[in-house]
Each structure stands twice: as structure tokens, then as C-alpha cells.
Amino acid sequence: MKTKKKEKKPPLKTGERMDLLAIEIILKKIYLTEIEVAFITGLSIFTLRNDRFLCKGIPYLRVGARKIMYRMVDVIQYMERQRITF
């Protein structure tokens, strides 16, 4: 009887729960994908795409023809601007 080896899945796929190792990896990155930004901010990928279309939200970089990246610094600044103080 053969047993299947468990293959390690990449830590980030849309709709999957992320483990602590993936979170540590994200926090050490300088540039993030839209999936990573969606996870960190709690915004949906569709909201990020719509914000880009409307020229608002988090500043981003277009790398090549289709790849979108966000700087971690910009994501943190965006989240700090949303902070509510009393």
C-alpha cells in the first residue's frame, strides 16, 4: 500500500487560510502582491482593483505589463491613516 506524501502548498492562495510562517514571511517583504495586501488590510482583492481603477486607495507599482505590487511602507501608512482616535 502506497502512501501519498503531503506536498507543501505555497503559503498564499486566494481563499486559503494562512499559517504563521506565511505571515512572518510577508512582514519581512518590501513589496507585496495584491493577495498579501488583501490579507493584511482585510480588504478584498476586488476592492483593491476597484481602488486602482478609481485612482484612490493604496499607492501601487505596475511591474511589467500586468503585475501589481504594493510597498509595505505604503500599506502601513494607508492603515495608519484609517486609524480612529478619540
PDB file of N, CA and C in Angstrom:
ATOM      1  N   MET A   1       0.832  -1.175   0.000  1.00  0.00           N
ATOM      2  CA  MET A   1       0.000   0.000   0.000  1.00  0.00           C
ATOM      3  C   MET A   1       0.882   1.245   0.000  1.00  0.00           C
ATOM      4  N   LYS A   2       0.669   2.077  -0.984  1.00  0.00           N
ATOM      5  CA  LYS A   2       1.456   3.296  -1.097  1.00  0.00           C
ATOM      6  C   LYS A   2       0.757   4.421  -0.360  1.00  0.00           C
ATOM      7  N   THR A   3       1.573   5.222   0.283  1.00  0.00           N
ATOM      8  CA  THR A   3       1.005   6.394   0.949  1.00  0.00           C
ATOM      9  C   THR A   3       1.429   7.635   0.177  1.00  0.00           C
ATOM     10  N   LYS A   4       0.528   8.549   0.107  1.00  0.00           N
ATOM     11  CA  LYS A   4       0.830   9.789  -0.593  1.00  0.00           C
ATOM     12  C   LYS A   4       1.588  10.722   0.336  1.00  0.00           C
ATOM     13  N   LYS A   5       2.621  11.322  -0.212  1.00  0.00           N
ATOM     14  CA  LYS A   5       3.357  12.317   0.547  1.00  0.00           C
ATOM     15  C   LYS A   5       2.582  13.629   0.483  1.00  0.00           C
ATOM     16  N   LYS A   6       2.544  14.300   1.610  1.00  0.00           N
ATOM     17  CA  LYS A   6       1.892  15.603   1.630  1.00  0.00           C
ATOM     18  C   LYS A   6       2.823  16.623   0.994  1.00  0.00           C
ATOM     19  N   GLU A   7       2.328  17.256  -0.050  1.00  0.00           N
ATOM     20  CA  GLU A   7       3.112  18.296  -0.687  1.00  0.00           C
ATOM     21  C   GLU A   7       2.848  19.613   0.009  1.00  0.00           C
ATOM     22  N   LYS A   8       3.906  20.373   0.172  1.00  0.00           N
ATOM     23  CA  LYS A   8       3.741  21.696   0.781  1.00  0.00           C
ATOM     24  C   LYS A   8       3.130  22.619  -0.246  1.00  0.00           C
ATOM     25  N   LYS A   9       2.017  23.234   0.127  1.00  0.00           N
ATOM     26  CA  LYS A   9       1.378  24.199  -0.759  1.00  0.00           C
ATOM     27  C   LYS A   9       2.035  25.552  -0.548  1.00  0.00           C
ATOM     28  N   PRO A  10       2.016  26.385  -1.578  1.00  0.00           N
ATOM     29  CA  PRO A  10       2.516  27.745  -1.364  1.00  0.00           C
ATOM     30  C   PRO A  10       1.667  28.431  -0.301  1.00  0.00           C
ATOM     31  N   PRO A  11       2.270  29.279   0.531  1.00  0.00           N
ATOM     32  CA  PRO A  11       1.544  29.849   1.663  1.00  0.00           C
ATOM     33  C   PRO A  11       0.411  30.790   1.283  1.00  0.00           C
ATOM     34  N   LEU A  12       0.400  31.302   0.060  1.00  0.00           N
ATOM     35  CA  LEU A  12      -0.614  32.285  -0.299  1.00  0.00           C
ATOM     36  C   LEU A  12      -1.398  31.872  -1.531  1.00  0.00           C
ATOM     37  N   LYS A  13      -2.618  31.525  -1.330  1.00  0.00           N
ATOM     38  CA  LYS A  13      -3.539  31.289  -2.432  1.00  0.00           C
ATOM     39  C   LYS A  13      -4.859  31.895  -2.032  1.00  0.00           C
ATOM     40  N   THR A  14      -5.564  32.433  -2.982  1.00  0.00           N
ATOM     41  CA  THR A  14      -6.833  33.075  -2.687  1.00  0.00           C
ATOM     42  C   THR A  14      -7.774  32.084  -2.027  1.00  0.00           C
ATOM     43  N   GLY A  15      -8.378  32.500  -0.921  1.00  0.00           N
ATOM     44  CA  GLY A  15      -9.370  31.674  -0.242  1.00  0.00           C
ATOM     45  C   GLY A  15      -8.815  30.692   0.767  1.00  0.00           C
ATOM     46  N   GLU A  16      -7.510  30.576   0.887  1.00  0.00           N
ATOM     47  CA  GLU A  16      -6.936  29.645   1.852  1.00  0.00           C
ATOM     48  C   GLU A  16      -6.503  30.381   3.111  1.00  0.00           C
ATOM     49  N   ARG A  17      -6.545  29.674   4.234  1.00  0.00           N
ATOM     50  CA  ARG A  17      -6.065  30.243   5.487  1.00  0.00           C
ATOM     51  C   ARG A  17      -4.547  30.290   5.469  1.00  0.00           C
ATOM     52  N   MET A  18      -3.996  31.321   6.055  1.00  0.00           N
ATOM     53  CA  MET A  18      -2.546  31.450   6.074  1.00  0.00           C
ATOM     54  C   MET A  18      -2.007  30.996   7.422  1.00  0.00           C
ATOM     55  N   ASP A  19      -0.863  30.369   7.397  1.00  0.00           N
ATOM     56  CA  ASP A  19      -0.253  29.934   8.647  1.00  0.00           C
ATOM     57  C   ASP A  19       0.711  31.001   9.159  1.00  0.00           C
ATOM     58  N   LEU A  20       1.206  30.812  10.367  1.00  0.00           N
ATOM     59  CA  LEU A  20       2.072  31.806  10.993  1.00  0.00           C
ATOM     60  C   LEU A  20       3.368  32.022  10.225  1.00  0.00           C
ATOM     61  N   LEU A  21       3.897  30.974   9.630  1.00  0.00           N
ATOM     62  CA  LEU A  21       5.126  31.099   8.855  1.00  0.00           C
ATOM     63  C   LEU A  21       4.912  32.037   7.678  1.00  0.00           C
ATOM     64  N   ALA A  22       3.784  31.914   7.003  1.00  0.00           N
ATOM     65  CA  ALA A  22       3.481  32.786   5.868  1.00  0.00           C
ATOM     66  C   ALA A  22       3.373  34.238   6.315  1.00  0.00           C
ATOM     67  N   ILE A  23       2.777  34.467   7.472  1.00  0.00           N
ATOM     68  CA  ILE A  23       2.634  35.825   7.985  1.00  0.00           C
ATOM     69  C   ILE A  23       4.008  36.428   8.279  1.00  0.00           C
ATOM     70  N   GLU A  24       4.901  35.642   8.867  1.00  0.00           N
ATOM     71  CA  GLU A  24       6.254  36.129   9.137  1.00  0.00           C
ATOM     72  C   GLU A  24       6.980  36.473   7.848  1.00  0.00           C
ATOM     73  N   ILE A  25       6.793  35.660   6.828  1.00  0.00           N
ATOM     74  CA  ILE A  25       7.433  35.919   5.531  1.00  0.00           C
ATOM     75  C   ILE A  25       6.916  37.223   4.943  1.00  0.00           C
ATOM     76  N   ILE A  26       5.616  37.439   5.015  1.00  0.00           N
ATOM     77  CA  ILE A  26       5.018  38.656   4.464  1.00  0.00           C
ATOM     78  C   ILE A  26       5.565  39.893   5.154  1.00  0.00           C
ATOM     79  N   LEU A  27       5.657  39.853   6.472  1.00  0.00           N
ATOM     80  CA  LEU A  27       6.079  41.026   7.216  1.00  0.00           C
ATOM     81  C   LEU A  27       7.533  41.412   6.948  1.00  0.00           C
ATOM     82  N   LYS A  28       8.332  40.492   6.421  1.00  0.00           N
ATOM     83  CA  LYS A  28       9.733  40.783   6.121  1.00  0.00           C
ATOM     84  C   LYS A  28       9.930  41.271   4.687  1.00  0.00           C
ATOM     85  N   LYS A  29       8.880  41.226   3.878  1.00  0.00           N
ATOM     86  CA  LYS A  29       8.989  41.629   2.481  1.00  0.00           C
ATOM     87  C   LYS A  29       8.906  43.143   2.330  1.00  0.00           C
ATOM     88  N   ILE A  30       9.526  43.653   1.296  1.00  0.00           N
ATOM     89  CA  ILE A  30       9.448  45.075   0.980  1.00  0.00           C
ATOM     90  C   ILE A  30       8.271  45.322   0.041  1.00  0.00           C
ATOM     91  N   TYR A  31       8.085  44.446  -0.927  1.00  0.00           N
ATOM     92  CA  TYR A  31       6.993  44.572  -1.889  1.00  0.00           C
ATOM     93  C   TYR A  31       6.027  43.414  -1.729  1.00  0.00           C
ATOM     94  N   LEU A  32       4.728  43.711  -1.823  1.00  0.00           N
ATOM     95  CA  LEU A  32       3.684  42.714  -1.605  1.00  0.00           C
ATOM     96  C   LEU A  32       2.787  42.595  -2.825  1.00  0.00           C
ATOM     97  N   THR A  33       2.226  41.407  -3.015  1.00  0.00           N
ATOM     98  CA  THR A  33       1.235  41.199  -4.063  1.00  0.00           C
ATOM     99  C   THR A  33      -0.124  41.657  -3.564  1.00  0.00           C
ATOM    100  N   GLU A  34      -1.094  41.723  -4.460  1.00  0.00           N
ATOM    101  CA  GLU A  34      -2.426  42.169  -4.031  1.00  0.00           C
ATOM    102  C   GLU A  34      -3.077  41.160  -3.087  1.00  0.00           C
ATOM    103  N   ILE A  35      -2.752  39.899  -3.203  1.00  0.00           N
ATOM    104  CA  ILE A  35      -3.303  38.883  -2.294  1.00  0.00           C
ATOM    105  C   ILE A  35      -2.774  39.110  -0.880  1.00  0.00           C
ATOM    106  N   GLU A  36      -1.481  39.395  -0.774  1.00  0.00           N
ATOM    107  CA  GLU A  36      -0.880  39.657   0.534  1.00  0.00           C
ATOM    108  C   GLU A  36      -1.449  40.933   1.156  1.00  0.00           C
ATOM    109  N   VAL A  37      -1.631  41.960   0.346  1.00  0.00           N
ATOM    110  CA  VAL A  37      -2.195  43.219   0.847  1.00  0.00           C
ATOM    111  C   VAL A  37      -3.633  43.009   1.303  1.00  0.00           C
ATOM    112  N   ALA A  38      -4.380  42.233   0.544  1.00  0.00           N
ATOM    113  CA  ALA A  38      -5.767  41.943   0.925  1.00  0.00           C
ATOM    114  C   ALA A  38      -5.804  41.237   2.276  1.00  0.00           C
ATOM    115  N   PHE A  39      -4.888  40.319   2.506  1.00  0.00           N
ATOM    116  CA  PHE A  39      -4.852  39.604   3.777  1.00  0.00           C
ATOM    117  C   PHE A  39      -4.501  40.541   4.929  1.00  0.00           C
ATOM    118  N   ILE A  40      -3.505  41.379   4.728  1.00  0.00           N
ATOM    119  CA  ILE A  40      -3.046  42.276   5.795  1.00  0.00           C
ATOM    120  C   ILE A  40      -4.105  43.316   6.145  1.00  0.00           C
ATOM    121  N   THR A  41      -4.709  43.923   5.126  1.00  0.00           N
ATOM    122  CA  THR A  41      -5.641  45.028   5.360  1.00  0.00           C
ATOM    123  C   THR A  41      -7.065  44.581   5.631  1.00  0.00           C
ATOM    124  N   GLY A  42      -7.416  43.386   5.211  1.00  0.00           N
ATOM    125  CA  GLY A  42      -8.791  42.928   5.355  1.00  0.00           C
ATOM    126  C   GLY A  42      -9.681  43.381   4.207  1.00  0.00           C
ATOM    127  N   LEU A  43      -9.100  44.071   3.233  1.00  0.00           N
ATOM    128  CA  LEU A  43      -9.849  44.470   2.044  1.00  0.00           C
ATOM    129  C   LEU A  43      -9.890  43.310   1.056  1.00  0.00           C
ATOM    130  N   SER A  44     -10.922  43.263   0.243  1.00  0.00           N
ATOM    131  CA  SER A  44     -10.969  42.205  -0.762  1.00  0.00           C
ATOM    132  C   SER A  44     -10.083  42.582  -1.945  1.00  0.00           C
ATOM    133  N   ILE A  45      -9.706  41.593  -2.716  1.00  0.00           N
ATOM    134  CA  ILE A  45      -8.903  41.831  -3.912  1.00  0.00           C
ATOM    135  C   ILE A  45      -9.681  42.713  -4.885  1.00  0.00           C
ATOM    136  N   PHE A  46     -10.980  42.516  -4.940  1.00  0.00           N
ATOM    137  CA  PHE A  46     -11.814  43.311  -5.841  1.00  0.00           C
ATOM    138  C   PHE A  46     -11.847  44.775  -5.418  1.00  0.00           C
ATOM    139  N   THR A  47     -11.821  45.043  -4.115  1.00  0.00           N
ATOM    140  CA  THR A  47     -11.770  46.420  -3.623  1.00  0.00           C
ATOM    141  C   THR A  47     -10.450  47.067  -4.003  1.00  0.00           C
ATOM    142  N   LEU A  48      -9.347  46.338  -3.860  1.00  0.00           N
ATOM    143  CA  LEU A  48      -8.044  46.871  -4.252  1.00  0.00           C
ATOM    144  C   LEU A  48      -8.020  47.189  -5.742  1.00  0.00           C
ATOM    145  N   ARG A  49      -8.573  46.294  -6.560  1.00  0.00           N
ATOM    146  CA  ARG A  49      -8.610  46.528  -8.009  1.00  0.00           C
ATOM    147  C   ARG A  49      -9.495  47.724  -8.357  1.00  0.00           C
ATOM    148  N   ASN A  50     -10.630  47.839  -7.688  1.00  0.00           N
ATOM    149  CA  ASN A  50     -11.528  48.956  -7.946  1.00  0.00           C
ATOM    150  C   ASN A  50     -10.884  50.277  -7.521  1.00  0.00           C
ATOM    151  N   ASP A  51     -10.183  50.277  -6.392  1.00  0.00           N
ATOM    152  CA  ASP A  51      -9.490  51.482  -5.936  1.00  0.00           C
ATOM    153  C   ASP A  51      -8.418  51.903  -6.937  1.00  0.00           C
ATOM    154  N   ARG A  52      -7.715  50.935  -7.511  1.00  0.00           N
ATOM    155  CA  ARG A  52      -6.714  51.272  -8.526  1.00  0.00           C
ATOM    156  C   ARG A  52      -7.384  51.892  -9.741  1.00  0.00           C
ATOM    157  N   PHE A  53      -8.509  51.344 -10.154  1.00  0.00           N
ATOM    158  CA  PHE A  53      -9.240  51.866 -11.302  1.00  0.00           C
ATOM    159  C   PHE A  53      -9.711  53.301 -11.044  1.00  0.00           C
ATOM    160  N   LEU A  54     -10.133  53.576  -9.811  1.00  0.00           N
ATOM    161  CA  LEU A  54     -10.639  54.901  -9.446  1.00  0.00           C
ATOM    162  C   LEU A  54      -9.526  55.861  -8.995  1.00  0.00           C
ATOM    163  N   CYS A  55      -8.278  55.406  -9.065  1.00  0.00           N
ATOM    164  CA  CYS A  55      -7.112  56.211  -8.662  1.00  0.00           C
ATOM    165  C   CYS A  55      -7.207  56.673  -7.216  1.00  0.00           C
ATOM    166  N   LYS A  56      -7.564  55.775  -6.327  1.00  0.00           N
ATOM    167  CA  LYS A  56      -7.584  56.087  -4.900  1.00  0.00           C
ATOM    168  C   LYS A  56      -7.059  54.876  -4.133  1.00  0.00           C
ATOM    169  N   GLY A  57      -6.972  54.994  -2.825  1.00  0.00           N
ATOM    170  CA  GLY A  57      -6.525  53.862  -2.007  1.00  0.00           C
ATOM    171  C   GLY A  57      -5.023  53.845  -1.827  1.00  0.00           C
ATOM    172  N   ILE A  58      -4.473  52.658  -1.795  1.00  0.00           N
ATOM    173  CA  ILE A  58      -3.048  52.453  -1.512  1.00  0.00           C
ATOM    174  C   ILE A  58      -2.235  52.655  -2.792  1.00  0.00           C
ATOM    175  N   PRO A  59      -1.144  53.457  -2.735  1.00  0.00           N
ATOM    176  CA  PRO A  59      -0.281  53.598  -3.909  1.00  0.00           C
ATOM    177  C   PRO A  59       0.304  52.240  -4.310  1.00  0.00           C
ATOM    178  N   TYR A  60       0.486  52.040  -5.610  1.00  0.00           N
ATOM    179  CA  TYR A  60       0.979  50.752  -6.099  1.00  0.00           C
ATOM    180  C   TYR A  60       1.979  50.950  -7.220  1.00  0.00           C
ATOM    181  N   LEU A  61       2.656  49.865  -7.574  1.00  0.00           N
ATOM    182  CA  LEU A  61       3.614  49.856  -8.679  1.00  0.00           C
ATOM    183  C   LEU A  61       3.138  48.853  -9.718  1.00  0.00           C
ATOM    184  N   ARG A  62       3.285  49.201 -10.971  1.00  0.00           N
ATOM    185  CA  ARG A  62       2.985  48.248 -12.040  1.00  0.00           C
ATOM    186  C   ARG A  62       4.334  47.729 -12.538  1.00  0.00           C
ATOM    187  N   VAL A  63       4.557  46.452 -12.382  1.00  0.00           N
ATOM    188  CA  VAL A  63       5.809  45.823 -12.783  1.00  0.00           C
ATOM    189  C   VAL A  63       5.522  45.025 -14.056  1.00  0.00           C
ATOM    190  N   GLY A  64       6.143  45.426 -15.132  1.00  0.00           N
ATOM    191  CA  GLY A  64       5.851  44.780 -16.400  1.00  0.00           C
ATOM    192  C   GLY A  64       4.479  45.199 -16.897  1.00  0.00           C
ATOM    193  N   ALA A  65       3.864  44.348 -17.683  1.00  0.00           N
ATOM    194  CA  ALA A  65       2.574  44.687 -18.278  1.00  0.00           C
ATOM    195  C   ALA A  65       1.403  44.468 -17.330  1.00  0.00           C
ATOM    196  N   ARG A  66       1.505  43.452 -16.453  1.00  0.00           N
ATOM    197  CA  ARG A  66       0.330  43.077 -15.668  1.00  0.00           C
ATOM    198  C   ARG A  66       0.529  42.965 -14.170  1.00  0.00           C
ATOM    199  N   LYS A  67       1.747  42.830 -13.726  1.00  0.00           N
ATOM    200  CA  LYS A  67       1.984  42.555 -12.308  1.00  0.00           C
ATOM    201  C   LYS A  67       1.858  43.831 -11.472  1.00  0.00           C
ATOM    202  N   ILE A  68       1.091  43.744 -10.391  1.00  0.00           N
ATOM    203  CA  ILE A  68       0.873  44.856  -9.481  1.00  0.00           C
ATOM    204  C   ILE A  68       1.539  44.527  -8.145  1.00  0.00           C
ATOM    205  N   MET A  69       2.305  45.472  -7.629  1.00  0.00           N
ATOM    206  CA  MET A  69       2.968  45.291  -6.344  1.00  0.00           C
ATOM    207  C   MET A  69       2.705  46.522  -5.483  1.00  0.00           C
ATOM    208  N   TYR A  70       2.658  46.295  -4.179  1.00  0.00           N
ATOM    209  CA  TYR A  70       2.478  47.368  -3.207  1.00  0.00           C
ATOM    210  C   TYR A  70       3.688  47.382  -2.289  1.00  0.00           C
ATOM    211  N   ARG A  71       4.150  48.578  -1.912  1.00  0.00           N
ATOM    212  CA  ARG A  71       5.240  48.665  -0.943  1.00  0.00           C
ATOM    213  C   ARG A  71       4.660  48.488   0.453  1.00  0.00           C
ATOM    214  N   MET A  72       5.356  47.744   1.290  1.00  0.00           N
ATOM    215  CA  MET A  72       4.905  47.514   2.660  1.00  0.00           C
ATOM    216  C   MET A  72       4.740  48.833   3.401  1.00  0.00           C
ATOM    217  N   VAL A  73       5.640  49.779   3.162  1.00  0.00           N
ATOM    218  CA  VAL A  73       5.583  51.093   3.813  1.00  0.00           C
ATOM    219  C   VAL A  73       4.267  51.799   3.460  1.00  0.00           C
ATOM    220  N   ASP A  74       3.861  51.735   2.184  1.00  0.00           N
ATOM    221  CA  ASP A  74       2.627  52.385   1.752  1.00  0.00           C
ATOM    222  C   ASP A  74       1.398  51.722   2.372  1.00  0.00           C
ATOM    223  N   VAL A  75       1.437  50.409   2.511  1.00  0.00           N
ATOM    224  CA  VAL A  75       0.321  49.682   3.121  1.00  0.00           C
ATOM    225  C   VAL A  75       0.174  50.093   4.592  1.00  0.00           C
ATOM    226  N   ILE A  76       1.297  50.176   5.298  1.00  0.00           N
ATOM    227  CA  ILE A  76       1.262  50.571   6.709  1.00  0.00           C
ATOM    228  C   ILE A  76       0.771  52.008   6.844  1.00  0.00           C
ATOM    229  N   GLN A  77       1.247  52.908   5.983  1.00  0.00           N
ATOM    230  CA  GLN A  77       0.788  54.301   6.031  1.00  0.00           C
ATOM    231  C   GLN A  77      -0.705  54.400   5.755  1.00  0.00           C
ATOM    232  N   TYR A  78      -1.197  53.621   4.803  1.00  0.00           N
ATOM    233  CA  TYR A  78      -2.625  53.619   4.496  1.00  0.00           C
ATOM    234  C   TYR A  78      -3.423  53.173   5.717  1.00  0.00           C
ATOM    235  N   MET A  79      -2.956  52.132   6.375  1.00  0.00           N
ATOM    236  CA  MET A  79      -3.668  51.628   7.551  1.00  0.00           C
ATOM    237  C   MET A  79      -3.619  52.641   8.695  1.00  0.00           C
ATOM    238  N   GLU A  80      -2.528  53.340   8.860  1.00  0.00           N
ATOM    239  CA  GLU A  80      -2.415  54.358   9.908  1.00  0.00           C
ATOM    240  C   GLU A  80      -3.364  55.528   9.637  1.00  0.00           C
ATOM    241  N   ARG A  81      -3.565  55.872   8.371  1.00  0.00           N
ATOM    242  CA  ARG A  81      -4.500  56.953   8.033  1.00  0.00           C
ATOM    243  C   ARG A  81      -5.948  56.574   8.367  1.00  0.00           C
ATOM    244  N   GLN A  82      -6.232  55.276   8.423  1.00  0.00           N
ATOM    245  CA  GLN A  82      -7.592  54.820   8.723  1.00  0.00           C
ATOM    246  C   GLN A  82      -7.861  54.743  10.222  1.00  0.00           C
ATOM    247  N   ARG A  83      -6.839  55.001  11.010  1.00  0.00           N
ATOM    248  CA  ARG A  83      -6.946  54.894  12.467  1.00  0.00           C
ATOM    249  C   ARG A  83      -7.939  55.903  13.052  1.00  0.00           C
ATOM    250  N   ILE A  84      -8.721  55.456  13.999  1.00  0.00           N
ATOM    251  CA  ILE A  84      -9.711  56.304  14.636  1.00  0.00           C
ATOM    252  C   ILE A  84      -9.241  56.590  16.057  1.00  0.00           C
ATOM    253  N   THR A  85      -9.141  57.870  16.374  1.00  0.00           N
ATOM    254  CA  THR A  85      -8.716  58.253  17.719  1.00  0.00           C
ATOM    255  C   THR A  85      -9.811  59.050  18.393  1.00  0.00           C
ATOM    256  N   PHE A  86      -9.812  59.030  19.716  1.00  0.00           N
ATOM    257  CA  PHE A  86     -10.830  59.749  20.495  1.00  0.00           C
ATOM    258  C   PHE A  86     -10.207  60.855  21.296  1.00  0.00           C
TER     259      PHE A  86
END
